[in-house]
Protein backbone atom coordinates (compact mmCIF):
# COMPACT_ATOMS: atom_id res chain seq x y z
CA MET A 1 -55.75 -36.53 -10.90
CA LYS A 2 -52.43 -37.20 -12.65
CA GLY A 3 -53.03 -34.14 -14.92
CA VAL A 4 -53.40 -31.83 -11.99
CA THR A 5 -50.40 -33.17 -10.19
CA SER A 6 -48.35 -32.94 -13.35
CA LYS A 7 -49.35 -29.28 -13.94
CA ILE A 8 -48.45 -28.37 -10.38
CA LEU A 9 -45.10 -30.09 -10.49
CA ILE A 10 -44.32 -28.49 -13.83
CA ALA A 11 -45.31 -25.03 -12.59
CA LEU A 12 -43.28 -25.53 -9.36
CA GLY A 13 -40.21 -26.64 -11.37
CA ILE A 14 -40.42 -23.66 -13.63
CA VAL A 15 -40.77 -21.31 -10.68
CA LEU A 16 -37.65 -22.79 -8.90
CA ILE A 17 -35.62 -22.60 -12.12
CA LEU A 18 -36.69 -18.90 -12.57
CA LEU A 19 -35.76 -18.28 -8.86
CA ALA A 20 -32.26 -19.71 -9.52
CA ILE A 21 -31.86 -17.38 -12.57
CA LEU A 22 -33.10 -14.39 -10.61
CA TRP A 23 -30.84 -15.37 -7.63
CA TRP A 24 -27.78 -15.28 -9.91
CA ALA A 25 -28.92 -12.02 -11.55
CA ILE A 26 -30.00 -10.08 -8.47
CA ALA A 27 -29.38 -11.67 -5.12
CA VAL A 28 -25.62 -12.45 -5.73
CA ASN A 29 -24.91 -8.80 -6.46
CA ALA A 30 -26.92 -7.71 -3.49
CA LEU A 31 -25.49 -10.18 -1.00
CA VAL A 32 -21.80 -10.66 -1.98
CA LYS A 33 -20.32 -7.40 -0.82
CA ILE A 34 -17.92 -6.11 1.89
CA PRO A 35 -19.70 -6.85 5.29
CA ASP A 36 -20.19 -4.11 7.82
CA ASN A 37 -18.57 -6.23 10.67
CA LEU A 38 -14.92 -6.39 9.52
CA GLU A 39 -12.58 -6.88 12.37
CA SER A 40 -9.07 -8.33 12.00
CA THR A 41 -5.77 -7.89 13.79
CA SER A 42 -2.40 -8.79 12.19
CA LYS A 43 0.99 -8.66 13.83
CA TYR A 44 4.44 -8.41 12.41
CA GLU A 45 7.94 -8.82 13.74
CA GLY A 46 11.43 -8.22 12.46
CA GLU A 47 14.45 -5.82 12.49
CA PHE A 48 14.63 -2.08 12.15
CA THR A 49 17.96 -0.52 11.10
CA TYR A 50 18.90 3.17 11.56
CA TYR A 51 21.55 4.45 9.07
CA VAL A 52 21.55 7.86 10.72
CA ASN A 53 21.65 8.93 14.40
CA PRO A 54 17.89 9.29 15.18
CA ALA A 55 18.53 12.23 17.46
CA THR A 56 20.94 14.36 15.25
CA GLN A 57 20.17 12.89 11.79
CA GLU A 58 23.91 12.60 11.14
CA PRO A 59 25.01 9.55 9.12
CA LEU A 60 26.42 6.66 11.08
CA PRO A 61 29.69 5.09 9.83
CA ALA A 62 29.32 1.94 7.75
CA GLY A 63 29.19 -1.10 10.03
CA GLU A 64 27.96 1.04 12.99
CA GLU A 65 24.35 1.15 12.00
CA LEU A 66 21.80 0.93 14.87
CA LYS A 67 19.72 -2.25 14.75
CA LEU A 68 16.62 -2.63 16.93
CA PRO A 69 13.70 -5.11 17.13
CA ILE A 70 10.51 -3.97 15.60
CA ALA A 71 6.92 -5.08 16.34
CA VAL A 72 3.87 -3.92 14.38
CA GLU A 73 0.13 -4.40 15.21
CA ARG A 74 -2.38 -3.56 12.48
CA ASN A 75 -6.12 -3.56 13.10
CA VAL A 76 -8.64 -3.33 10.31
CA SER A 77 -12.30 -2.65 11.25
CA SER A 78 -15.59 -1.55 9.76
CA LEU A 79 -17.11 1.88 10.66
CA ALA A 80 -20.54 0.36 10.31
CA GLU A 81 -22.39 3.58 11.04
CA GLU A 82 -20.74 5.18 7.94
CA TYR A 83 -21.74 2.39 5.58
CA ASP A 84 -24.47 2.54 2.96
CA SER A 85 -25.72 0.04 0.32
CA SER A 86 -22.74 0.71 -2.03
CA LYS A 87 -19.92 2.09 0.13
CA ALA A 88 -17.89 0.53 2.94
CA VAL A 89 -15.88 2.72 5.26
CA VAL A 90 -12.96 0.92 6.86
CA ARG A 91 -10.47 2.11 9.45
CA GLU A 92 -6.86 0.91 9.71
CA GLU A 93 -4.97 1.49 12.91
CA VAL A 94 -1.21 0.72 13.12
CA ILE A 95 0.92 0.63 16.28
CA THR A 96 4.62 0.24 15.72
CA GLU A 97 7.25 -0.32 18.40
CA VAL A 98 10.89 0.14 17.69
CA GLY A 99 13.25 -1.06 20.46
CA GLY A 100 10.14 -1.24 22.72
CA MET A 101 9.12 2.35 22.08
CA GLN A 102 6.10 3.45 20.10
CA ASN A 103 7.16 5.16 16.90
CA PRO A 104 5.39 7.45 16.20
CA PRO A 105 3.73 7.68 19.69
CA GLY A 106 0.04 6.79 19.59
CA GLY A 107 0.31 5.03 16.24
CA LEU A 108 -1.24 5.93 12.88
CA GLU A 109 -4.84 5.74 11.65
CA SER A 110 -6.11 5.79 8.08
CA VAL A 111 -9.66 5.59 6.72
CA TYR A 112 -10.63 3.88 3.40
CA VAL A 113 -13.93 4.29 1.51
CA LEU A 114 -14.45 1.24 -0.77
CA ASP A 115 -16.96 0.08 -3.29
CA ARG A 116 -18.67 -2.76 -1.38
CA ARG A 117 -18.97 -4.95 -4.50
CA ASN A 118 -15.51 -4.80 -5.99
CA SER A 119 -13.33 -3.46 -3.12
CA GLU A 120 -11.99 -0.61 -5.15
CA ASN A 121 -11.14 2.65 -3.34
CA LEU A 122 -13.47 5.59 -4.02
CA ASP A 123 -12.87 9.31 -4.05
CA ASP A 124 -14.46 10.33 -0.82
CA ASP A 125 -13.89 13.25 1.60
CA ARG A 126 -13.81 10.78 4.48
CA ALA A 127 -10.60 9.04 3.10
CA PHE A 128 -7.32 10.02 4.66
CA ASP A 129 -3.81 8.60 5.32
CA PHE A 130 -2.22 8.62 8.77
CA VAL A 131 -3.82 11.81 10.03
CA GLU A 132 -7.35 13.21 9.41
CA SER A 133 -6.04 16.35 7.82
CA ASN A 134 -4.22 14.48 5.15
CA LYS A 135 -7.14 13.83 2.72
CA VAL A 136 -6.33 11.59 -0.21
CA ASN A 137 -7.96 10.45 -3.45
CA ARG A 138 -7.35 6.72 -3.93
CA GLN A 139 -9.87 6.30 -6.70
CA GLY A 140 -9.47 3.09 -8.70
CA SER A 141 -6.75 1.58 -6.39
CA TYR A 142 -6.95 -1.40 -4.00
CA TYR A 143 -6.17 -1.66 -0.24
CA PRO A 144 -6.78 -3.06 2.29
CA LEU A 145 -8.52 -5.66 0.19
CA LEU A 146 -8.20 -7.05 -3.37
CA PRO A 147 -11.40 -7.73 -5.28
CA PHE A 148 -13.68 -10.69 -4.76
CA ASP A 149 -12.57 -13.51 -7.02
CA THR A 150 -9.09 -12.12 -7.26
CA SER A 151 -7.57 -13.26 -10.59
CA ASN A 152 -4.12 -14.69 -11.06
CA ASP A 153 -3.62 -12.97 -14.45
CA GLU A 154 -4.42 -9.39 -13.47
CA VAL A 155 -2.13 -6.54 -12.36
CA TYR A 156 -3.72 -4.72 -9.45
CA PRO A 157 -2.88 -1.13 -8.41
CA VAL A 158 -2.36 -1.16 -4.65
CA TRP A 159 -2.41 2.03 -2.63
CA LYS A 160 0.87 3.02 -0.81
CA GLY A 161 0.17 5.72 1.73
CA GLU A 162 3.82 6.70 2.33
CA ILE A 163 4.06 7.98 -1.25
CA GLY A 164 0.39 8.94 -1.80
CA GLU A 165 -0.07 6.78 -4.98
CA SER A 166 -0.80 3.34 -6.16
CA LEU A 167 1.80 0.92 -7.60
CA ASP A 168 1.17 -2.33 -9.53
CA THR A 169 1.14 -5.58 -7.66
CA GLU A 170 1.67 -8.75 -9.75
CA TYR A 171 0.83 -12.38 -9.39
CA VAL A 172 3.75 -14.62 -8.25
CA SER A 173 2.39 -18.11 -7.64
CA GLU A 174 -0.30 -20.28 -6.14
CA GLU A 175 0.13 -22.47 -3.09
CA GLU A 176 -1.67 -24.11 -0.16
CA LYS A 177 -1.45 -22.60 3.26
CA LEU A 178 -3.18 -24.31 6.15
CA GLY A 179 -5.52 -26.08 3.75
CA VAL A 180 -6.59 -23.00 1.79
CA THR A 181 -5.47 -22.10 -1.76
CA VAL A 182 -3.83 -18.68 -1.86
CA TYR A 183 -2.40 -16.49 -4.55
CA ASN A 184 1.01 -14.85 -3.86
CA PHE A 185 1.42 -11.29 -5.14
CA LYS A 186 4.43 -8.96 -5.10
CA GLY A 187 5.13 -5.20 -5.40
CA SER A 188 8.36 -3.22 -5.24
CA ALA A 189 9.95 0.13 -5.92
CA THR A 190 13.63 0.93 -5.70
CA VAL A 191 15.31 4.26 -4.64
CA GLU A 192 16.15 4.78 -8.32
CA ASP A 193 12.42 5.03 -9.03
CA LYS A 194 12.34 8.23 -6.95
CA LYS A 195 9.01 7.66 -5.24
CA GLU A 196 8.79 10.76 -3.12
CA VAL A 197 7.45 10.41 0.48
CA THR A 198 4.47 12.65 1.10
CA ALA A 199 4.97 15.78 3.18
CA ALA A 200 2.45 14.43 5.79
CA TYR A 201 4.44 11.36 6.33
CA VAL A 202 7.78 13.13 6.46
CA GLU A 203 6.29 15.28 9.21
CA ILE A 204 4.95 12.25 11.07
CA LEU A 205 8.47 10.65 10.99
CA GLY A 206 9.93 13.84 12.47
CA LEU A 207 12.29 14.40 9.50
CA PRO A 208 13.38 17.88 8.37
CA ALA A 209 11.80 19.19 5.17
CA GLU A 210 14.81 21.43 4.72
CA VAL A 211 18.25 22.08 6.21
CA THR A 212 20.50 25.08 6.64
CA PHE A 213 24.02 25.48 5.29
CA GLU A 214 25.11 25.65 8.90
CA GLU A 215 23.69 22.20 9.52
CA LEU A 216 25.52 20.86 6.47
CA LYS A 217 29.01 21.98 7.66
CA PRO A 218 29.78 18.69 9.56
CA GLN A 219 28.96 16.64 6.51
CA LEU A 220 31.01 18.89 4.27
CA ALA A 221 33.88 18.78 6.68
CA ALA A 222 33.69 14.95 6.43
CA LEU A 223 34.16 15.42 2.59
CA GLY A 224 37.29 17.50 3.24
CA VAL A 225 35.92 21.00 2.82
CA ASP A 226 36.77 23.60 5.50
CA VAL A 227 33.77 25.71 4.98
CA ASP A 228 34.53 28.42 7.62
CA GLY A 229 38.08 28.70 6.26
CA LEU A 230 36.84 28.99 2.71
CA ILE A 231 34.38 31.72 3.61
CA ALA A 232 37.06 33.69 5.47
CA LEU A 233 39.19 33.63 2.43
CA ALA A 234 36.31 34.53 0.20
CA THR A 235 35.51 37.74 2.22
CA GLN A 236 39.05 38.96 1.41
CA VAL A 237 38.78 38.45 -2.29
CA LEU A 238 35.21 38.66 -3.49
CA SER A 239 33.68 41.87 -4.93
CA PRO A 240 31.03 43.52 -2.73
CA GLU A 241 28.35 42.29 -5.13
CA ASP A 242 29.58 38.73 -5.18
CA LEU A 243 30.07 38.79 -1.41
CA GLN A 244 26.52 39.89 -0.96
CA ALA A 245 25.23 37.16 -3.38
CA LEU A 246 27.42 34.57 -1.52
CA ASN A 247 25.89 35.59 1.90
CA THR A 248 22.42 35.44 0.42
CA ALA A 249 23.01 31.98 -0.98
CA LEU A 250 24.44 30.71 2.31
CA GLN A 251 21.35 31.89 4.20
CA GLN A 252 19.01 30.04 1.90
CA SER A 253 17.48 26.80 3.28
CA ILE A 254 18.25 23.60 1.32
CA LEU A 255 15.25 21.38 0.48
CA VAL A 256 15.36 17.74 1.37
CA LYS A 257 13.65 15.04 -0.72
CA TYR A 258 12.75 11.64 0.71
CA TYR A 259 12.32 8.52 -1.32
CA TRP A 260 10.43 5.29 -0.31
CA ALA A 261 11.55 2.05 -1.47
CA PHE A 262 10.02 -1.41 -0.74
CA ASP A 263 9.93 -5.09 -1.66
CA VAL A 264 6.69 -6.78 -0.53
CA GLU A 265 5.17 -10.12 -1.03
CA MET A 266 1.82 -11.26 0.41
CA SER A 267 -0.61 -14.18 0.13
CA VAL A 268 -4.25 -13.44 -0.74
CA GLU A 269 -7.27 -15.74 -0.33
CA PRO A 270 -8.70 -15.30 -3.90
CA LYS A 271 -12.47 -15.80 -3.23
CA THR A 272 -12.58 -12.92 -0.75
CA GLY A 273 -9.55 -10.87 -1.86
CA ALA A 274 -8.39 -10.83 1.75
CA PRO A 275 -4.63 -10.68 2.45
CA VAL A 276 -3.75 -13.50 4.84
CA ASP A 277 -0.01 -13.59 5.06
CA LEU A 278 2.61 -10.79 4.63
CA TYR A 279 5.62 -13.10 4.39
CA LYS A 280 8.06 -10.53 2.96
CA ASP A 281 8.12 -6.83 3.78
CA ILE A 282 11.39 -4.82 3.35
CA GLU A 283 10.90 -1.04 3.29
CA SER A 284 13.24 1.92 3.58
CA ILE A 285 13.45 5.69 3.29
CA SER A 286 16.38 7.66 1.74
CA MET A 287 17.07 11.34 1.56
CA GLU A 288 18.48 13.56 -1.14
CA LEU A 289 19.43 17.24 -1.01
CA ASP A 290 18.23 19.71 -3.52
CA THR A 291 21.70 20.93 -4.47
CA SER A 292 20.60 23.80 -6.72
CA GLY A 293 21.37 26.29 -3.90
CA LEU A 294 24.91 24.82 -3.47
CA MET A 295 25.49 25.15 -7.27
CA ASP A 296 24.74 28.86 -6.89
CA ILE A 297 27.51 29.07 -4.30
CA PHE A 298 29.93 27.15 -6.66
CA THR A 299 29.00 29.51 -9.55
CA ILE A 300 29.94 32.59 -7.49
CA LEU A 301 33.17 31.30 -6.22
CA ALA A 302 34.22 29.75 -9.64
CA LYS A 303 34.85 33.23 -10.93
CA TYR A 304 37.82 33.43 -8.54
CA SER A 305 39.46 30.07 -9.39
CA SER A 306 42.61 31.83 -10.70
CA ASP A 307 42.98 34.06 -7.61
CA PRO A 308 46.31 33.31 -5.93
CA VAL A 309 44.67 33.45 -2.48
CA LEU A 310 41.25 31.79 -3.07
CA GLY A 311 42.13 29.64 -6.16
CA PRO A 312 43.96 26.73 -4.27
CA ALA A 313 41.22 26.44 -1.70
CA LEU A 314 38.67 26.23 -4.46
CA LYS A 315 40.14 22.96 -5.77
CA GLN A 316 38.46 21.16 -2.84
CA LEU A 317 35.20 22.82 -3.87
CA VAL A 318 35.51 21.67 -7.46
CA GLU A 319 36.07 18.11 -6.26
CA LEU A 320 33.03 18.40 -3.97
CA GLN A 321 30.93 19.71 -6.87
CA SER A 322 31.80 16.62 -8.74
CA GLN A 323 31.04 14.33 -5.77
CA ILE A 324 27.65 16.00 -5.15
CA GLY A 325 26.65 15.46 -8.75
CA GLU A 326 27.32 11.70 -8.43
CA MET A 327 25.91 11.26 -4.92
CA GLU A 328 23.20 8.74 -4.45
CA PRO A 329 20.32 9.29 -1.99
CA SER A 330 21.44 8.17 1.46
CA LYS A 331 19.40 5.70 3.43
CA ILE A 332 17.89 6.84 6.73
CA PHE A 333 16.29 3.68 7.99
CA GLU A 334 15.07 0.29 6.86
CA TYR A 335 12.82 -2.34 8.28
CA ASP A 336 12.36 -5.93 7.45
CA ILE A 337 9.21 -7.68 8.94
CA VAL A 338 7.06 -10.77 8.45
CA GLN A 339 3.59 -11.58 9.74
CA THR A 340 3.41 -13.76 12.86
CA GLU A 341 2.23 -17.40 12.54
CA ASP A 342 -0.75 -16.97 14.88
CA THR A 343 -2.19 -14.06 13.00
CA VAL A 344 -1.60 -15.83 9.72
CA LYS A 345 -3.70 -18.76 10.96
CA ALA A 346 -6.38 -16.34 12.23
CA ALA A 347 -6.50 -14.54 8.92
CA ILE A 348 -6.79 -17.78 6.99
CA ASP A 349 -9.57 -18.94 9.27
CA ASP A 350 -11.48 -15.74 8.82
CA ALA A 351 -11.05 -15.89 4.98
CA LYS A 352 -12.13 -19.52 4.93
CA ASP A 353 -15.28 -18.63 6.83
CA ALA A 354 -16.06 -15.64 4.51
CA ALA A 355 -15.40 -17.73 1.42
CA GLY A 356 -17.85 -20.32 2.76
CA LYS A 357 -20.57 -17.67 3.01
CA ILE A 358 -19.73 -16.42 -0.49
CA ASN A 359 -20.01 -19.96 -1.91
CA LEU A 360 -23.33 -20.40 -0.22
CA VAL A 361 -24.66 -17.34 -1.93
CA LYS A 362 -22.99 -17.71 -5.28
CA VAL A 363 -23.02 -21.50 -5.75
CA TYR A 364 -24.91 -23.69 -3.35
CA ILE A 365 -28.30 -21.77 -3.12
CA PRO A 366 -28.74 -21.11 -6.87
CA TRP A 367 -27.53 -24.49 -7.91
CA ALA A 368 -29.79 -26.19 -5.34
CA LEU A 369 -32.75 -24.17 -6.75
CA LEU A 370 -31.83 -25.07 -10.29
CA ILE A 371 -31.27 -28.82 -9.69
CA VAL A 372 -34.40 -29.21 -7.54
CA GLY A 373 -36.43 -27.24 -10.03
CA ALA A 374 -35.22 -29.24 -13.04
CA LEU A 375 -35.95 -32.54 -11.15
CA ILE A 376 -39.49 -31.48 -10.29
CA LEU A 377 -40.00 -30.28 -13.75
CA ILE A 378 -38.90 -33.59 -15.20
CA ILE A 379 -41.15 -35.62 -12.83
CA GLY A 380 -44.04 -33.40 -13.71
CA LEU A 381 -43.50 -34.01 -17.40
CA LEU A 382 -43.18 -37.78 -16.81
CA ILE A 383 -46.30 -37.88 -14.73
CA GLY A 384 -48.24 -35.92 -17.27
CA GLY A 385 -47.00 -38.15 -20.16
CA GLY A 386 -48.74 -41.61 -20.37
CA GLN A 387 -49.62 -43.77 -23.33
CA ALA A 388 -51.04 -42.28 -26.55
CA PRO A 389 -54.84 -42.88 -27.11
CA PRO A 390 -55.55 -46.09 -29.30
CA GLN A 391 -56.15 -45.64 -32.98
CA GLN A 392 -59.76 -46.35 -34.10
CA ALA A 393 -60.15 -49.21 -36.65
CA GLU A 394 -61.20 -48.21 -40.15
CA GLU A 395 -64.65 -49.35 -41.19
């Protein structure tokens, strides 16, 4: 009877150990993936500063910037009907209120198609930033999640929709927040990095993609250039060919470039890769004129620098040319926000719950199978052991 029991226990122990190995090899990969019931809401508050008049786009004098409260609500949810075994489709909706008014009205919506196992963005026709017509390829970048088991010695490329590209996010520190270990990451870009804002986002913001020379007159006047007076003198002096070239140059639109700058720090729960606290977020947009058209005007007028009528007036233009060459991009607006305490707590609670489920699949179940299987195997071997048969005496 002992022999039968021993064999049964040994077989059962081996089966459980094999199940543990198979669980690690197959079940973990099949079960640890982005769920199809994501639903989280984060809120942020802070200050929004206009450096230009939002109605006219004319610069505001230093010290007279317009400061308004800003409130942001961000909702991330699964589009479960679009999921398959390997791809997650996630929608992000952002509502921003500046001074109590939605800006832009109706908010913004983006869709992300992610690898369910490592949270990387995939190249997929369903992915878009802000408006459905603005299709994007985010292949290989991360957002809105970092990978499962986020590392503290990896640099992660994080997608930035405003500029349509990913930028590196680096580990800063580890700390405890509300009883959960989090990794803090940071990412930044300065105006000097010249990260151009996408045309789609410029349009959403209601900013002009180009300006006319006529629209520049007030700014040039502020720099000490009487444009109308200069043109009146030029018409008296310029040759017909140069006058025609000047008029053509004055009618050309001047392209405007916009640059996005940001300094962002956030906390991530590493087991799930979920951001739980955006504790620093300072972002701004600046503009710069494509001055090549203005240079054409300078070139035409420079021929007449020795003219007794036009020459003295051109001194202002020479000074302006030097100033334009040294001009830095001018800031349009900036916002400084942080995540609200209640939504930080909610995000940490959600991450804690998700991490518990991951630990159940990756740690508790396979280790339980392995330990129980090993114990049963040992018991079976002990039962099947027994004393060695006695030696027969020699005759």
